[in-house]
Amino acid sequence: MLDRIQIQRIVERQGEEIILHEHMRIERTSYQHGSVTTFAHSIRVACLSIWLADRMHLWDRVDQRALVRSALLHDYFLYDWHEWDNGTHRLHGLTHGQTALLNASRDFQLGGVERDSIARHMFPLTPIPPKYLEGYIVSLADKISATRETLSPTRFKRHKRYARHSRRFRMSRA
């Protein structure tokens, strides 16, 4: 069984092109769940996806590269969905898989497994399930990671910091 360091090395090796891409700077500054950035969340999902595939002994049935790349790109929507935008992020949970797929298709060459896994990672919130095992693993890893991040004791840490900055901004504009 793989240990944490081995899993991280697999993610770094298989996802290097994605991790180093200039648009990942947007993910490093956009928040996903509480105080966790979209970038950190995507890394967590990739590592957990590898861990799940390893623990379930699925290496003869899973494309490791497609699994890592799908996990890293599953939330590649490139905006902070918490920011007000006249309501277009209101359906973020239902639409961000397609947005992530469009952005990822523009920036990277994707195979069918990667495309399907990115587009359908929100199943069952979105009605069409993934076609491939990699998509189910990414979807499961995403839900586990999102639950952990949402229920984390540090969840509201970022929001307090934003509130402090918001007060300062309002005072300076008055």
N, C-alpha and C. Protein backbone atom coordinates (compact mmCIF):
# COMPACT_ATOMS: atom_id res chain seq x y z
N MET A 1 0.84 -1.19 0.00
CA MET A 1 0.00 0.00 0.00
C MET A 1 0.88 1.25 0.00
N LEU A 2 0.39 2.24 -0.70
CA LEU A 2 1.13 3.49 -0.83
C LEU A 2 1.04 4.31 0.46
N ASP A 3 2.14 5.00 0.80
CA ASP A 3 2.10 5.90 1.95
C ASP A 3 1.86 7.33 1.44
N ARG A 4 1.73 8.27 2.35
CA ARG A 4 1.39 9.65 2.02
C ARG A 4 2.40 10.28 1.05
N ILE A 5 3.69 10.05 1.29
CA ILE A 5 4.73 10.62 0.44
C ILE A 5 4.64 10.04 -0.98
N GLN A 6 4.44 8.75 -1.08
CA GLN A 6 4.31 8.11 -2.40
C GLN A 6 3.09 8.66 -3.15
N ILE A 7 2.01 8.85 -2.44
CA ILE A 7 0.80 9.40 -3.06
C ILE A 7 1.06 10.81 -3.56
N GLN A 8 1.71 11.64 -2.75
CA GLN A 8 2.01 13.01 -3.15
C GLN A 8 2.92 13.03 -4.37
N ARG A 9 3.88 12.13 -4.42
CA ARG A 9 4.79 12.07 -5.58
C ARG A 9 4.04 11.67 -6.85
N ILE A 10 3.10 10.75 -6.73
CA ILE A 10 2.29 10.36 -7.89
C ILE A 10 1.49 11.56 -8.39
N VAL A 11 0.87 12.29 -7.47
CA VAL A 11 0.08 13.46 -7.86
C VAL A 11 0.98 14.51 -8.51
N GLU A 12 2.13 14.75 -7.94
CA GLU A 12 3.06 15.73 -8.51
C GLU A 12 3.53 15.30 -9.90
N ARG A 13 3.86 14.03 -10.06
CA ARG A 13 4.37 13.53 -11.34
C ARG A 13 3.28 13.52 -12.42
N GLN A 14 2.13 12.97 -12.09
CA GLN A 14 1.05 12.85 -13.07
C GLN A 14 0.34 14.18 -13.34
N GLY A 15 0.40 15.10 -12.38
CA GLY A 15 -0.33 16.36 -12.51
C GLY A 15 0.54 17.58 -12.68
N GLU A 16 1.84 17.38 -12.94
CA GLU A 16 2.77 18.51 -12.98
C GLU A 16 2.33 19.62 -13.94
N GLU A 17 1.92 19.25 -15.15
CA GLU A 17 1.50 20.24 -16.15
C GLU A 17 0.35 21.10 -15.61
N ILE A 18 -0.56 20.48 -14.90
CA ILE A 18 -1.72 21.19 -14.36
C ILE A 18 -1.32 22.05 -13.16
N ILE A 19 -0.59 21.45 -12.24
CA ILE A 19 -0.19 22.15 -11.02
C ILE A 19 0.61 23.41 -11.34
N LEU A 20 1.45 23.36 -12.36
CA LEU A 20 2.31 24.50 -12.71
C LEU A 20 1.66 25.49 -13.68
N HIS A 21 0.46 25.19 -14.15
CA HIS A 21 -0.20 26.07 -15.12
C HIS A 21 -0.53 27.42 -14.49
N GLU A 22 -0.40 28.48 -15.28
CA GLU A 22 -0.62 29.83 -14.78
C GLU A 22 -2.02 30.05 -14.19
N HIS A 23 -3.04 29.37 -14.70
CA HIS A 23 -4.39 29.57 -14.18
C HIS A 23 -4.59 28.96 -12.80
N MET A 24 -3.67 28.12 -12.37
CA MET A 24 -3.78 27.59 -11.00
C MET A 24 -3.56 28.69 -9.97
N ARG A 25 -2.98 29.82 -10.39
CA ARG A 25 -2.87 30.96 -9.48
C ARG A 25 -4.26 31.44 -9.05
N ILE A 26 -5.21 31.37 -9.97
CA ILE A 26 -6.59 31.75 -9.63
C ILE A 26 -7.13 30.80 -8.57
N GLU A 27 -6.90 29.50 -8.74
CA GLU A 27 -7.37 28.52 -7.76
C GLU A 27 -6.70 28.69 -6.41
N ARG A 28 -5.46 29.18 -6.40
CA ARG A 28 -4.75 29.38 -5.13
C ARG A 28 -5.31 30.54 -4.33
N THR A 29 -6.06 31.43 -4.97
CA THR A 29 -6.62 32.59 -4.27
C THR A 29 -8.14 32.54 -4.16
N SER A 30 -8.77 31.54 -4.74
CA SER A 30 -10.23 31.39 -4.65
C SER A 30 -10.55 30.34 -3.60
N TYR A 31 -11.53 30.63 -2.79
CA TYR A 31 -11.87 29.71 -1.71
C TYR A 31 -12.97 28.76 -2.15
N GLN A 32 -12.85 27.54 -1.69
CA GLN A 32 -13.80 26.50 -2.04
C GLN A 32 -14.73 26.22 -0.86
N HIS A 33 -14.18 25.67 0.21
CA HIS A 33 -14.97 25.34 1.41
C HIS A 33 -14.30 25.97 2.62
N GLY A 34 -14.96 26.95 3.21
CA GLY A 34 -14.40 27.59 4.39
C GLY A 34 -13.07 28.25 4.09
N SER A 35 -12.02 27.86 4.81
CA SER A 35 -10.71 28.48 4.64
C SER A 35 -9.81 27.70 3.68
N VAL A 36 -10.36 26.76 2.94
CA VAL A 36 -9.60 25.93 2.01
C VAL A 36 -9.74 26.49 0.60
N THR A 37 -8.60 26.73 -0.06
CA THR A 37 -8.64 27.24 -1.42
C THR A 37 -9.06 26.13 -2.39
N THR A 38 -9.48 26.54 -3.57
CA THR A 38 -9.85 25.56 -4.59
C THR A 38 -8.62 24.74 -4.98
N PHE A 39 -7.45 25.35 -5.00
CA PHE A 39 -6.22 24.62 -5.31
C PHE A 39 -5.95 23.54 -4.26
N ALA A 40 -5.99 23.91 -2.99
CA ALA A 40 -5.74 22.93 -1.91
C ALA A 40 -6.78 21.82 -1.96
N HIS A 41 -8.03 22.18 -2.20
CA HIS A 41 -9.10 21.19 -2.31
C HIS A 41 -8.81 20.21 -3.45
N SER A 42 -8.40 20.73 -4.60
CA SER A 42 -8.12 19.87 -5.75
C SER A 42 -6.95 18.93 -5.48
N ILE A 43 -5.92 19.42 -4.81
CA ILE A 43 -4.78 18.56 -4.44
C ILE A 43 -5.27 17.47 -3.49
N ARG A 44 -6.09 17.85 -2.52
CA ARG A 44 -6.63 16.86 -1.57
C ARG A 44 -7.45 15.79 -2.28
N VAL A 45 -8.27 16.21 -3.23
CA VAL A 45 -9.10 15.25 -3.97
C VAL A 45 -8.21 14.33 -4.79
N ALA A 46 -7.16 14.85 -5.40
CA ALA A 46 -6.25 14.01 -6.18
C ALA A 46 -5.55 12.99 -5.28
N CYS A 47 -5.05 13.43 -4.14
CA CYS A 47 -4.37 12.51 -3.21
C CYS A 47 -5.34 11.46 -2.67
N LEU A 48 -6.54 11.89 -2.31
CA LEU A 48 -7.52 10.94 -1.79
C LEU A 48 -7.97 9.96 -2.88
N SER A 49 -8.06 10.42 -4.12
CA SER A 49 -8.42 9.54 -5.23
C SER A 49 -7.38 8.43 -5.39
N ILE A 50 -6.12 8.81 -5.33
CA ILE A 50 -5.05 7.81 -5.44
C ILE A 50 -5.13 6.85 -4.25
N TRP A 51 -5.35 7.39 -3.05
CA TRP A 51 -5.44 6.56 -1.85
C TRP A 51 -6.59 5.56 -1.98
N LEU A 52 -7.75 6.03 -2.44
CA LEU A 52 -8.91 5.14 -2.59
C LEU A 52 -8.64 4.04 -3.61
N ALA A 53 -8.09 4.41 -4.76
CA ALA A 53 -7.78 3.41 -5.79
C ALA A 53 -6.79 2.38 -5.27
N ASP A 54 -5.81 2.84 -4.50
CA ASP A 54 -4.81 1.94 -3.94
C ASP A 54 -5.43 1.01 -2.89
N ARG A 55 -6.21 1.57 -1.98
CA ARG A 55 -6.80 0.76 -0.91
C ARG A 55 -7.83 -0.23 -1.43
N MET A 56 -8.48 0.11 -2.55
CA MET A 56 -9.47 -0.79 -3.12
C MET A 56 -8.85 -1.72 -4.18
N HIS A 57 -7.52 -1.65 -4.31
CA HIS A 57 -6.79 -2.52 -5.25
C HIS A 57 -7.34 -2.43 -6.67
N LEU A 58 -7.46 -1.19 -7.15
CA LEU A 58 -8.06 -0.96 -8.46
C LEU A 58 -7.06 -0.63 -9.56
N TRP A 59 -5.77 -0.81 -9.31
CA TRP A 59 -4.78 -0.37 -10.28
C TRP A 59 -4.87 -1.10 -11.62
N ASP A 60 -5.44 -2.28 -11.65
CA ASP A 60 -5.59 -2.97 -12.93
C ASP A 60 -6.82 -2.48 -13.70
N ARG A 61 -7.63 -1.61 -13.06
CA ARG A 61 -8.87 -1.13 -13.69
C ARG A 61 -8.92 0.39 -13.84
N VAL A 62 -7.89 1.09 -13.31
CA VAL A 62 -7.92 2.55 -13.28
C VAL A 62 -6.68 3.11 -13.99
N ASP A 63 -6.90 4.15 -14.78
CA ASP A 63 -5.81 4.88 -15.42
C ASP A 63 -5.33 5.95 -14.43
N GLN A 64 -4.16 5.72 -13.86
CA GLN A 64 -3.64 6.59 -12.80
C GLN A 64 -3.51 8.04 -13.27
N ARG A 65 -2.99 8.25 -14.47
CA ARG A 65 -2.80 9.60 -14.98
C ARG A 65 -4.16 10.31 -15.15
N ALA A 66 -5.12 9.62 -15.75
CA ALA A 66 -6.45 10.21 -15.94
C ALA A 66 -7.11 10.50 -14.59
N LEU A 67 -6.89 9.63 -13.62
CA LEU A 67 -7.47 9.83 -12.28
C LEU A 67 -6.93 11.10 -11.64
N VAL A 68 -5.61 11.26 -11.66
CA VAL A 68 -4.99 12.45 -11.05
C VAL A 68 -5.42 13.71 -11.79
N ARG A 69 -5.34 13.70 -13.09
CA ARG A 69 -5.69 14.89 -13.87
C ARG A 69 -7.17 15.26 -13.69
N SER A 70 -8.04 14.28 -13.68
CA SER A 70 -9.46 14.54 -13.45
C SER A 70 -9.69 15.18 -12.09
N ALA A 71 -9.02 14.65 -11.09
CA ALA A 71 -9.18 15.18 -9.74
C ALA A 71 -8.66 16.61 -9.64
N LEU A 72 -7.52 16.88 -10.26
CA LEU A 72 -6.97 18.23 -10.21
C LEU A 72 -7.82 19.24 -10.97
N LEU A 73 -8.53 18.79 -11.97
CA LEU A 73 -9.32 19.70 -12.82
C LEU A 73 -10.82 19.69 -12.53
N HIS A 74 -11.26 18.89 -11.58
CA HIS A 74 -12.71 18.76 -11.37
C HIS A 74 -13.37 20.07 -10.96
N ASP A 75 -12.65 20.97 -10.32
CA ASP A 75 -13.18 22.28 -9.93
C ASP A 75 -12.42 23.42 -10.60
N TYR A 76 -12.05 23.24 -11.84
CA TYR A 76 -11.26 24.21 -12.60
C TYR A 76 -12.18 25.27 -13.21
N PHE A 77 -13.05 25.84 -12.38
CA PHE A 77 -14.01 26.83 -12.87
C PHE A 77 -13.44 28.23 -12.87
N LEU A 78 -12.35 28.47 -12.14
CA LEU A 78 -11.55 29.70 -12.20
C LEU A 78 -12.28 30.97 -11.77
N TYR A 79 -13.07 30.88 -10.74
CA TYR A 79 -13.67 32.05 -10.10
C TYR A 79 -13.94 31.68 -8.65
N ASP A 80 -14.14 32.69 -7.81
CA ASP A 80 -14.52 32.43 -6.42
C ASP A 80 -16.04 32.51 -6.36
N TRP A 81 -16.67 31.36 -6.21
CA TRP A 81 -18.13 31.30 -6.27
C TRP A 81 -18.80 31.96 -5.07
N HIS A 82 -18.02 32.39 -4.08
CA HIS A 82 -18.60 33.09 -2.93
C HIS A 82 -18.81 34.58 -3.22
N GLU A 83 -18.11 35.08 -4.22
CA GLU A 83 -18.21 36.51 -4.54
C GLU A 83 -19.49 36.80 -5.30
N TRP A 84 -20.08 37.95 -5.03
CA TRP A 84 -21.32 38.34 -5.68
C TRP A 84 -21.08 38.62 -7.16
N ASP A 85 -21.95 38.13 -8.00
CA ASP A 85 -21.80 38.28 -9.45
C ASP A 85 -23.17 38.45 -10.11
N ASN A 86 -24.07 39.14 -9.47
CA ASN A 86 -25.43 39.33 -9.98
C ASN A 86 -26.20 38.03 -10.11
N GLY A 87 -25.82 37.03 -9.33
CA GLY A 87 -26.59 35.80 -9.26
C GLY A 87 -26.19 34.66 -10.18
N THR A 88 -25.15 34.83 -11.02
CA THR A 88 -24.82 33.74 -11.93
C THR A 88 -24.18 32.55 -11.21
N HIS A 89 -23.62 32.76 -10.03
CA HIS A 89 -23.05 31.64 -9.26
C HIS A 89 -24.11 30.94 -8.41
N ARG A 90 -25.33 31.40 -8.47
CA ARG A 90 -26.41 30.86 -7.66
C ARG A 90 -26.59 29.35 -7.89
N LEU A 91 -26.35 28.89 -9.10
CA LEU A 91 -26.50 27.48 -9.44
C LEU A 91 -25.13 26.80 -9.58
N HIS A 92 -24.15 27.34 -8.90
CA HIS A 92 -22.77 26.85 -8.99
C HIS A 92 -22.68 25.33 -8.82
N GLY A 93 -23.35 24.77 -7.84
CA GLY A 93 -23.28 23.34 -7.59
C GLY A 93 -23.73 22.50 -8.77
N LEU A 94 -24.65 23.02 -9.55
CA LEU A 94 -25.16 22.29 -10.71
C LEU A 94 -24.37 22.55 -11.99
N THR A 95 -23.73 23.71 -12.08
CA THR A 95 -23.12 24.11 -13.35
C THR A 95 -21.60 24.09 -13.38
N HIS A 96 -20.94 24.04 -12.24
CA HIS A 96 -19.49 24.22 -12.27
C HIS A 96 -18.73 23.06 -12.90
N GLY A 97 -19.30 21.89 -12.96
CA GLY A 97 -18.65 20.77 -13.64
C GLY A 97 -18.46 21.06 -15.13
N GLN A 98 -19.49 21.60 -15.76
CA GLN A 98 -19.40 21.96 -17.18
C GLN A 98 -18.44 23.14 -17.39
N THR A 99 -18.47 24.11 -16.47
CA THR A 99 -17.56 25.25 -16.58
C THR A 99 -16.11 24.77 -16.43
N ALA A 100 -15.88 23.87 -15.47
CA ALA A 100 -14.54 23.32 -15.27
C ALA A 100 -14.09 22.56 -16.52
N LEU A 101 -14.99 21.81 -17.12
CA LEU A 101 -14.65 21.07 -18.34
C LEU A 101 -14.30 22.02 -19.49
N LEU A 102 -15.07 23.07 -19.67
CA LEU A 102 -14.77 24.04 -20.73
C LEU A 102 -13.40 24.67 -20.52
N ASN A 103 -13.12 25.11 -19.31
CA ASN A 103 -11.82 25.72 -19.01
C ASN A 103 -10.68 24.72 -19.18
N ALA A 104 -10.87 23.52 -18.66
CA ALA A 104 -9.81 22.50 -18.75
C ALA A 104 -9.57 22.10 -20.21
N SER A 105 -10.63 22.01 -21.01
CA SER A 105 -10.48 21.66 -22.43
C SER A 105 -9.72 22.75 -23.18
N ARG A 106 -9.90 23.99 -22.77
CA ARG A 106 -9.19 25.10 -23.40
C ARG A 106 -7.70 25.05 -23.06
N ASP A 107 -7.37 24.69 -21.81
CA ASP A 107 -5.98 24.78 -21.33
C ASP A 107 -5.17 23.50 -21.44
N PHE A 108 -5.84 22.35 -21.58
CA PHE A 108 -5.14 21.06 -21.58
C PHE A 108 -5.75 20.12 -22.61
N GLN A 109 -4.95 19.16 -23.04
CA GLN A 109 -5.48 18.09 -23.90
C GLN A 109 -6.04 17.02 -22.97
N LEU A 110 -7.33 16.75 -23.10
CA LEU A 110 -8.00 15.81 -22.21
C LEU A 110 -8.48 14.59 -22.98
N GLY A 111 -8.41 13.44 -22.33
CA GLY A 111 -8.99 12.22 -22.87
C GLY A 111 -10.44 12.09 -22.44
N GLY A 112 -11.09 11.08 -22.95
CA GLY A 112 -12.50 10.86 -22.64
C GLY A 112 -12.78 10.60 -21.17
N VAL A 113 -11.91 9.86 -20.50
CA VAL A 113 -12.09 9.58 -19.08
C VAL A 113 -12.01 10.87 -18.28
N GLU A 114 -11.05 11.72 -18.62
CA GLU A 114 -10.90 12.99 -17.91
C GLU A 114 -12.11 13.90 -18.15
N ARG A 115 -12.54 14.00 -19.38
CA ARG A 115 -13.69 14.85 -19.71
C ARG A 115 -14.94 14.42 -18.94
N ASP A 116 -15.20 13.13 -18.98
CA ASP A 116 -16.38 12.59 -18.31
C ASP A 116 -16.29 12.78 -16.79
N SER A 117 -15.13 12.52 -16.23
CA SER A 117 -14.96 12.62 -14.77
C SER A 117 -15.13 14.05 -14.28
N ILE A 118 -14.61 15.01 -15.03
CA ILE A 118 -14.74 16.42 -14.65
C ILE A 118 -16.20 16.85 -14.75
N ALA A 119 -16.83 16.55 -15.87
CA ALA A 119 -18.21 17.00 -16.11
C ALA A 119 -19.21 16.39 -15.14
N ARG A 120 -18.95 15.16 -14.68
CA ARG A 120 -19.96 14.44 -13.90
C ARG A 120 -19.58 14.19 -12.45
N HIS A 121 -18.60 14.94 -11.96
CA HIS A 121 -18.14 14.68 -10.58
C HIS A 121 -19.17 15.07 -9.52
N MET A 122 -20.18 15.82 -9.87
CA MET A 122 -21.18 16.23 -8.88
C MET A 122 -22.35 15.25 -8.75
N PHE A 123 -22.28 14.13 -9.44
CA PHE A 123 -23.32 13.11 -9.29
C PHE A 123 -23.41 12.71 -7.81
N PRO A 124 -24.58 12.58 -7.24
CA PRO A 124 -25.92 12.57 -7.81
C PRO A 124 -26.61 13.94 -7.84
N LEU A 125 -25.92 15.02 -7.46
CA LEU A 125 -26.55 16.34 -7.56
C LEU A 125 -26.91 16.65 -9.01
N THR A 126 -26.03 16.26 -9.92
CA THR A 126 -26.35 16.33 -11.33
C THR A 126 -26.82 14.94 -11.75
N PRO A 127 -27.79 14.83 -12.64
CA PRO A 127 -28.48 13.54 -12.83
C PRO A 127 -27.72 12.45 -13.58
N ILE A 128 -26.71 12.79 -14.35
CA ILE A 128 -26.04 11.77 -15.16
C ILE A 128 -24.78 11.28 -14.43
N PRO A 129 -24.71 9.98 -14.16
CA PRO A 129 -23.54 9.45 -13.44
C PRO A 129 -22.31 9.36 -14.34
N PRO A 130 -21.12 9.29 -13.75
CA PRO A 130 -19.91 9.08 -14.55
C PRO A 130 -19.98 7.76 -15.32
N LYS A 131 -19.29 7.71 -16.45
CA LYS A 131 -19.22 6.48 -17.25
C LYS A 131 -18.09 5.57 -16.79
N TYR A 132 -17.08 6.18 -16.17
CA TYR A 132 -15.86 5.44 -15.85
C TYR A 132 -15.62 5.37 -14.36
N LEU A 133 -14.88 4.36 -13.96
CA LEU A 133 -14.54 4.16 -12.55
C LEU A 133 -13.79 5.37 -12.00
N GLU A 134 -12.92 5.95 -12.80
CA GLU A 134 -12.18 7.14 -12.35
C GLU A 134 -13.13 8.25 -11.93
N GLY A 135 -14.22 8.42 -12.66
CA GLY A 135 -15.20 9.45 -12.33
C GLY A 135 -15.89 9.20 -11.00
N TYR A 136 -16.19 7.95 -10.71
CA TYR A 136 -16.79 7.62 -9.42
C TYR A 136 -15.80 7.85 -8.28
N ILE A 137 -14.54 7.54 -8.51
CA ILE A 137 -13.52 7.74 -7.47
C ILE A 137 -13.34 9.23 -7.20
N VAL A 138 -13.24 10.03 -8.26
CA VAL A 138 -13.10 11.49 -8.08
C VAL A 138 -14.33 12.04 -7.37
N SER A 139 -15.51 11.60 -7.76
CA SER A 139 -16.75 12.06 -7.13
C SER A 139 -16.78 11.73 -5.64
N LEU A 140 -16.39 10.51 -5.30
CA LEU A 140 -16.35 10.10 -3.89
C LEU A 140 -15.30 10.89 -3.12
N ALA A 141 -14.11 11.02 -3.69
CA ALA A 141 -13.04 11.77 -3.03
C ALA A 141 -13.45 13.24 -2.83
N ASP A 142 -14.13 13.80 -3.81
CA ASP A 142 -14.60 15.18 -3.72
C ASP A 142 -15.60 15.34 -2.57
N LYS A 143 -16.52 14.40 -2.44
CA LYS A 143 -17.52 14.50 -1.38
C LYS A 143 -16.90 14.31 0.00
N ILE A 144 -15.97 13.40 0.12
CA ILE A 144 -15.27 13.20 1.40
C ILE A 144 -14.49 14.45 1.76
N SER A 145 -13.73 14.98 0.80
CA SER A 145 -12.92 16.18 1.06
C SER A 145 -13.80 17.38 1.38
N ALA A 146 -14.85 17.57 0.62
CA ALA A 146 -15.75 18.71 0.86
C ALA A 146 -16.39 18.63 2.24
N THR A 147 -16.78 17.43 2.65
CA THR A 147 -17.39 17.26 3.97
C THR A 147 -16.38 17.57 5.06
N ARG A 148 -15.17 17.06 4.93
CA ARG A 148 -14.12 17.35 5.92
C ARG A 148 -13.85 18.85 6.00
N GLU A 149 -13.71 19.49 4.83
CA GLU A 149 -13.40 20.92 4.81
C GLU A 149 -14.56 21.75 5.37
N THR A 150 -15.76 21.36 5.08
CA THR A 150 -16.93 22.11 5.54
C THR A 150 -17.13 21.97 7.05
N LEU A 151 -16.83 20.81 7.59
CA LEU A 151 -17.02 20.58 9.03
C LEU A 151 -15.77 20.86 9.86
N SER A 152 -14.71 21.34 9.23
CA SER A 152 -13.45 21.62 9.92
C SER A 152 -13.64 22.73 10.95
N PRO A 153 -12.96 22.62 12.10
CA PRO A 153 -13.05 23.68 13.11
C PRO A 153 -12.55 25.04 12.61
N THR A 154 -11.69 25.05 11.58
CA THR A 154 -11.18 26.31 11.05
C THR A 154 -12.04 26.86 9.92
N ARG A 155 -13.20 26.28 9.72
CA ARG A 155 -14.06 26.63 8.60
C ARG A 155 -14.31 28.12 8.44
N PHE A 156 -14.53 28.83 9.53
CA PHE A 156 -14.91 30.23 9.43
C PHE A 156 -13.74 31.18 9.63
N LYS A 157 -12.55 30.64 9.67
CA LYS A 157 -11.36 31.46 9.84
C LYS A 157 -11.24 32.50 8.73
N ARG A 158 -11.40 32.10 7.49
CA ARG A 158 -11.29 33.02 6.36
C ARG A 158 -12.38 34.08 6.42
N HIS A 159 -13.59 33.66 6.80
CA HIS A 159 -14.70 34.60 6.81
C HIS A 159 -14.49 35.70 7.84
N LYS A 160 -13.89 35.40 8.97
CA LYS A 160 -13.59 36.43 9.95
C LYS A 160 -12.59 37.42 9.38
N ARG A 161 -11.57 36.90 8.68
CA ARG A 161 -10.57 37.76 8.08
C ARG A 161 -11.23 38.65 7.02
N TYR A 162 -12.11 38.08 6.20
CA TYR A 162 -12.81 38.87 5.20
C TYR A 162 -13.69 39.92 5.85
N ALA A 163 -14.35 39.57 6.92
CA ALA A 163 -15.21 40.54 7.62
C ALA A 163 -14.38 41.72 8.10
N ARG A 164 -13.19 41.46 8.65
CA ARG A 164 -12.32 42.52 9.12
C ARG A 164 -11.93 43.42 7.95
N HIS A 165 -11.55 42.83 6.80
CA HIS A 165 -11.19 43.62 5.63
C HIS A 165 -12.39 44.38 5.09
N SER A 166 -13.57 43.78 5.15
CA SER A 166 -14.78 44.45 4.66
C SER A 166 -15.07 45.69 5.49
N ARG A 167 -14.92 45.59 6.83
CA ARG A 167 -15.16 46.75 7.69
C ARG A 167 -14.18 47.86 7.33
N ARG A 168 -12.93 47.53 7.15
CA ARG A 168 -11.92 48.52 6.80
C ARG A 168 -12.25 49.16 5.46
N PHE A 169 -12.68 48.37 4.50
CA PHE A 169 -13.02 48.89 3.18
C PHE A 169 -14.19 49.85 3.27
N ARG A 170 -15.22 49.49 4.03
CA ARG A 170 -16.38 50.37 4.16
C ARG A 170 -16.00 51.68 4.82
N MET A 171 -15.14 51.59 5.84
CA MET A 171 -14.75 52.82 6.53
C MET A 171 -13.93 53.71 5.63
N SER A 172 -13.06 53.14 4.78
CA SER A 172 -12.21 53.97 3.92
C SER A 172 -13.02 54.59 2.77
N ARG A 173 -14.14 53.97 2.41
CA ARG A 173 -14.97 54.49 1.31
C ARG A 173 -15.92 55.56 1.80
N ALA A 174 -16.19 55.63 3.09
CA ALA A 174 -17.20 56.56 3.62
C ALA A 174 -16.71 57.99 3.61
